[in-house]
Amino acid sequence: QPVTASITVWDILTASPRQLVPQGGCQCVLCCHIFPTLWSLKIHIQHSSQEGYSCKVYYRRLKVLWEKEHKEQEAASPRS
C-alpha cells in the first residue's frame, strides 16, 4: 500500500525531541543535517528526494507506524 501520510511540524517534533541543537536550529533525524528553523527542516523533508536523501520516506513510515500503534492501543484499552 502506498504511503501518503503528510508530515506535519508536530510529527517532526515527535520524531526528534532531542534533535534541537544548542545554536537554535533543528537536525534531521535521518541525514543529520542541521537547519536554522523547524520550517526549513520541514521543507528539507518535503524535498529530500530531490537532494538525494530518503528523509521524507523515513518520516512518513514513522508516522504510519505511530498511527498503527495508536490504533492498536485504543483497541486494547478497555471501553467504559
N, C-alpha and C. Protein backbone atom coordinates (compact mmCIF):
# COMPACT_ATOMS: atom_id res chain seq x y z
N GLN A 1 0.85 -1.18 0.00
CA GLN A 1 0.00 0.00 0.00
C GLN A 1 0.89 1.23 0.00
N PRO A 2 0.59 2.23 -0.80
CA PRO A 2 1.44 3.42 -0.87
C PRO A 2 1.31 4.25 0.39
N VAL A 3 2.42 4.84 0.79
CA VAL A 3 2.44 5.69 1.98
C VAL A 3 2.14 7.12 1.54
N THR A 4 1.02 7.67 2.02
CA THR A 4 0.63 9.01 1.58
C THR A 4 0.43 9.97 2.74
N ALA A 5 0.79 9.57 3.94
CA ALA A 5 0.61 10.45 5.09
C ALA A 5 1.45 11.70 4.93
N SER A 6 0.85 12.85 5.22
CA SER A 6 1.63 14.08 5.11
C SER A 6 2.33 14.34 6.44
N ILE A 7 3.51 14.90 6.36
CA ILE A 7 4.33 15.14 7.54
C ILE A 7 4.05 16.54 8.05
N THR A 8 3.75 16.64 9.32
CA THR A 8 3.48 17.93 9.95
C THR A 8 4.66 18.33 10.84
N VAL A 9 4.66 19.57 11.26
CA VAL A 9 5.68 20.03 12.20
C VAL A 9 5.60 19.21 13.48
N TRP A 10 4.40 18.90 13.91
CA TRP A 10 4.22 18.08 15.12
C TRP A 10 4.89 16.72 14.96
N ASP A 11 4.75 16.11 13.77
CA ASP A 11 5.40 14.82 13.52
C ASP A 11 6.92 14.93 13.64
N ILE A 12 7.46 16.02 13.12
CA ILE A 12 8.91 16.23 13.17
C ILE A 12 9.36 16.36 14.62
N LEU A 13 8.63 17.15 15.39
CA LEU A 13 8.99 17.33 16.79
C LEU A 13 8.86 16.04 17.58
N THR A 14 7.84 15.25 17.27
CA THR A 14 7.65 13.97 17.95
C THR A 14 8.77 13.00 17.62
N ALA A 15 9.20 13.01 16.37
CA ALA A 15 10.26 12.10 15.93
C ALA A 15 11.62 12.50 16.47
N SER A 16 11.80 13.77 16.75
CA SER A 16 13.13 14.23 17.10
C SER A 16 13.14 15.18 18.29
N PRO A 17 12.63 14.76 19.44
CA PRO A 17 12.59 15.68 20.58
C PRO A 17 13.96 16.12 21.06
N ARG A 18 14.96 15.32 20.81
CA ARG A 18 16.31 15.66 21.25
C ARG A 18 17.16 16.20 20.10
N GLN A 19 16.56 16.46 18.98
CA GLN A 19 17.30 16.88 17.81
C GLN A 19 17.41 18.39 17.67
N LEU A 20 16.87 19.15 18.62
CA LEU A 20 17.06 20.59 18.60
C LEU A 20 18.49 20.85 19.02
N VAL A 21 19.22 21.61 18.24
CA VAL A 21 20.63 21.84 18.52
C VAL A 21 20.81 23.12 19.34
N PRO A 22 21.86 23.18 20.13
CA PRO A 22 22.06 24.32 21.04
C PRO A 22 22.05 25.69 20.35
N GLN A 23 22.46 25.76 19.10
CA GLN A 23 22.51 27.03 18.40
C GLN A 23 21.13 27.50 17.98
N GLY A 24 20.10 26.73 18.31
CA GLY A 24 18.73 27.13 17.99
C GLY A 24 18.19 26.52 16.72
N GLY A 25 18.92 25.65 16.08
CA GLY A 25 18.45 25.02 14.87
C GLY A 25 17.82 23.67 15.15
N CYS A 26 17.50 22.96 14.08
CA CYS A 26 16.90 21.63 14.18
C CYS A 26 17.68 20.68 13.29
N GLN A 27 17.77 19.44 13.72
CA GLN A 27 18.54 18.46 12.98
C GLN A 27 17.61 17.37 12.45
N CYS A 28 17.78 16.99 11.20
CA CYS A 28 17.03 15.90 10.61
C CYS A 28 17.48 14.60 11.27
N VAL A 29 16.54 13.79 11.71
CA VAL A 29 16.85 12.54 12.38
C VAL A 29 17.57 11.57 11.46
N LEU A 30 17.22 11.58 10.18
CA LEU A 30 17.79 10.59 9.27
C LEU A 30 19.16 11.00 8.72
N CYS A 31 19.25 12.17 8.09
CA CYS A 31 20.50 12.54 7.42
C CYS A 31 21.43 13.38 8.32
N CYS A 32 20.92 13.83 9.46
CA CYS A 32 21.68 14.59 10.46
C CYS A 32 22.08 16.00 10.02
N HIS A 33 21.56 16.49 8.90
CA HIS A 33 21.82 17.88 8.52
C HIS A 33 21.13 18.80 9.51
N ILE A 34 21.75 19.95 9.78
CA ILE A 34 21.19 20.93 10.71
C ILE A 34 20.59 22.08 9.92
N PHE A 35 19.39 22.50 10.33
CA PHE A 35 18.68 23.57 9.67
C PHE A 35 18.39 24.68 10.67
N PRO A 36 18.36 25.93 10.22
CA PRO A 36 18.20 27.05 11.15
C PRO A 36 16.84 27.11 11.82
N THR A 37 15.80 26.59 11.16
CA THR A 37 14.46 26.66 11.74
C THR A 37 13.74 25.33 11.51
N LEU A 38 12.68 25.13 12.27
CA LEU A 38 11.84 23.95 12.10
C LEU A 38 11.21 23.96 10.71
N TRP A 39 10.81 25.15 10.25
CA TRP A 39 10.21 25.28 8.92
C TRP A 39 11.19 24.84 7.83
N SER A 40 12.46 25.25 7.93
CA SER A 40 13.44 24.85 6.91
C SER A 40 13.68 23.34 6.95
N LEU A 41 13.60 22.73 8.14
CA LEU A 41 13.70 21.27 8.24
C LEU A 41 12.51 20.61 7.56
N LYS A 42 11.32 21.15 7.75
CA LYS A 42 10.13 20.61 7.11
C LYS A 42 10.25 20.68 5.59
N ILE A 43 10.74 21.81 5.07
CA ILE A 43 10.94 21.97 3.63
C ILE A 43 11.96 20.94 3.14
N HIS A 44 13.04 20.75 3.90
CA HIS A 44 14.06 19.74 3.55
C HIS A 44 13.42 18.36 3.43
N ILE A 45 12.60 18.00 4.41
CA ILE A 45 11.96 16.68 4.40
C ILE A 45 11.08 16.53 3.17
N GLN A 46 10.31 17.57 2.86
CA GLN A 46 9.41 17.51 1.70
C GLN A 46 10.17 17.33 0.40
N HIS A 47 11.35 17.92 0.28
CA HIS A 47 12.11 17.90 -0.97
C HIS A 47 13.37 17.04 -0.89
N SER A 48 13.46 16.19 0.12
CA SER A 48 14.68 15.42 0.33
C SER A 48 15.04 14.52 -0.84
N SER A 49 14.05 13.97 -1.52
CA SER A 49 14.37 13.08 -2.64
C SER A 49 15.08 13.82 -3.78
N GLN A 50 14.77 15.10 -3.94
CA GLN A 50 15.45 15.90 -4.96
C GLN A 50 16.91 16.16 -4.58
N GLU A 51 17.19 16.06 -3.27
CA GLU A 51 18.55 16.28 -2.77
C GLU A 51 19.31 14.96 -2.66
N GLY A 52 18.66 13.84 -2.99
CA GLY A 52 19.31 12.54 -2.92
C GLY A 52 19.18 11.84 -1.58
N TYR A 53 18.25 12.29 -0.73
CA TYR A 53 18.03 11.67 0.58
C TYR A 53 16.64 11.04 0.63
N SER A 54 16.44 10.15 1.59
CA SER A 54 15.15 9.49 1.74
C SER A 54 14.46 9.91 3.05
N CYS A 55 14.72 11.12 3.50
CA CYS A 55 14.17 11.60 4.77
C CYS A 55 12.64 11.60 4.77
N LYS A 56 12.04 11.99 3.65
CA LYS A 56 10.58 12.04 3.56
C LYS A 56 9.99 10.64 3.76
N VAL A 57 10.60 9.65 3.15
CA VAL A 57 10.13 8.28 3.29
C VAL A 57 10.24 7.85 4.75
N TYR A 58 11.35 8.18 5.38
CA TYR A 58 11.56 7.81 6.78
C TYR A 58 10.48 8.40 7.68
N TYR A 59 10.25 9.71 7.57
CA TYR A 59 9.26 10.37 8.42
C TYR A 59 7.84 9.86 8.13
N ARG A 60 7.54 9.60 6.86
CA ARG A 60 6.21 9.08 6.52
C ARG A 60 6.00 7.69 7.12
N ARG A 61 6.99 6.84 6.99
CA ARG A 61 6.86 5.49 7.53
C ARG A 61 6.76 5.52 9.05
N LEU A 62 7.50 6.41 9.67
CA LEU A 62 7.44 6.57 11.11
C LEU A 62 6.04 7.01 11.53
N LYS A 63 5.46 7.94 10.80
CA LYS A 63 4.12 8.41 11.11
C LYS A 63 3.10 7.29 10.98
N VAL A 64 3.21 6.48 9.92
CA VAL A 64 2.30 5.36 9.73
C VAL A 64 2.42 4.37 10.89
N LEU A 65 3.65 4.11 11.33
CA LEU A 65 3.85 3.20 12.46
C LEU A 65 3.22 3.75 13.74
N TRP A 66 3.37 5.08 13.98
CA TRP A 66 2.76 5.69 15.16
C TRP A 66 1.25 5.55 15.12
N GLU A 67 0.67 5.82 13.94
CA GLU A 67 -0.79 5.74 13.81
C GLU A 67 -1.27 4.31 14.05
N LYS A 68 -0.54 3.34 13.52
CA LYS A 68 -0.89 1.93 13.72
C LYS A 68 -0.79 1.57 15.20
N GLU A 69 0.28 2.00 15.84
CA GLU A 69 0.46 1.72 17.27
C GLU A 69 -0.66 2.37 18.09
N HIS A 70 -1.02 3.59 17.75
CA HIS A 70 -2.09 4.30 18.45
C HIS A 70 -3.42 3.55 18.32
N LYS A 71 -3.73 3.07 17.11
CA LYS A 71 -4.96 2.32 16.89
C LYS A 71 -4.96 1.02 17.68
N GLU A 72 -3.81 0.36 17.72
CA GLU A 72 -3.70 -0.89 18.48
C GLU A 72 -3.90 -0.66 19.97
N GLN A 73 -3.34 0.45 20.48
CA GLN A 73 -3.52 0.79 21.90
C GLN A 73 -4.98 1.10 22.21
N GLU A 74 -5.63 1.83 21.30
CA GLU A 74 -7.04 2.13 21.50
C GLU A 74 -7.89 0.85 21.51
N ALA A 75 -7.57 -0.07 20.62
CA ALA A 75 -8.32 -1.32 20.54
C ALA A 75 -8.09 -2.19 21.79
N ALA A 76 -6.90 -2.09 22.36
CA ALA A 76 -6.56 -2.91 23.52
C ALA A 76 -7.07 -2.32 24.83
N SER A 77 -7.35 -1.02 24.84
CA SER A 77 -7.79 -0.39 26.10
C SER A 77 -9.25 -0.74 26.37
N PRO A 78 -9.56 -0.95 27.63
CA PRO A 78 -10.96 -1.31 27.98
C PRO A 78 -11.90 -0.12 27.75
N ARG A 79 -13.05 -0.43 27.23
CA ARG A 79 -14.07 0.61 26.98
C ARG A 79 -14.86 0.87 28.24
N SER A 80 -15.22 2.12 28.47
CA SER A 80 -16.00 2.46 29.67
C SER A 80 -17.47 2.39 29.37
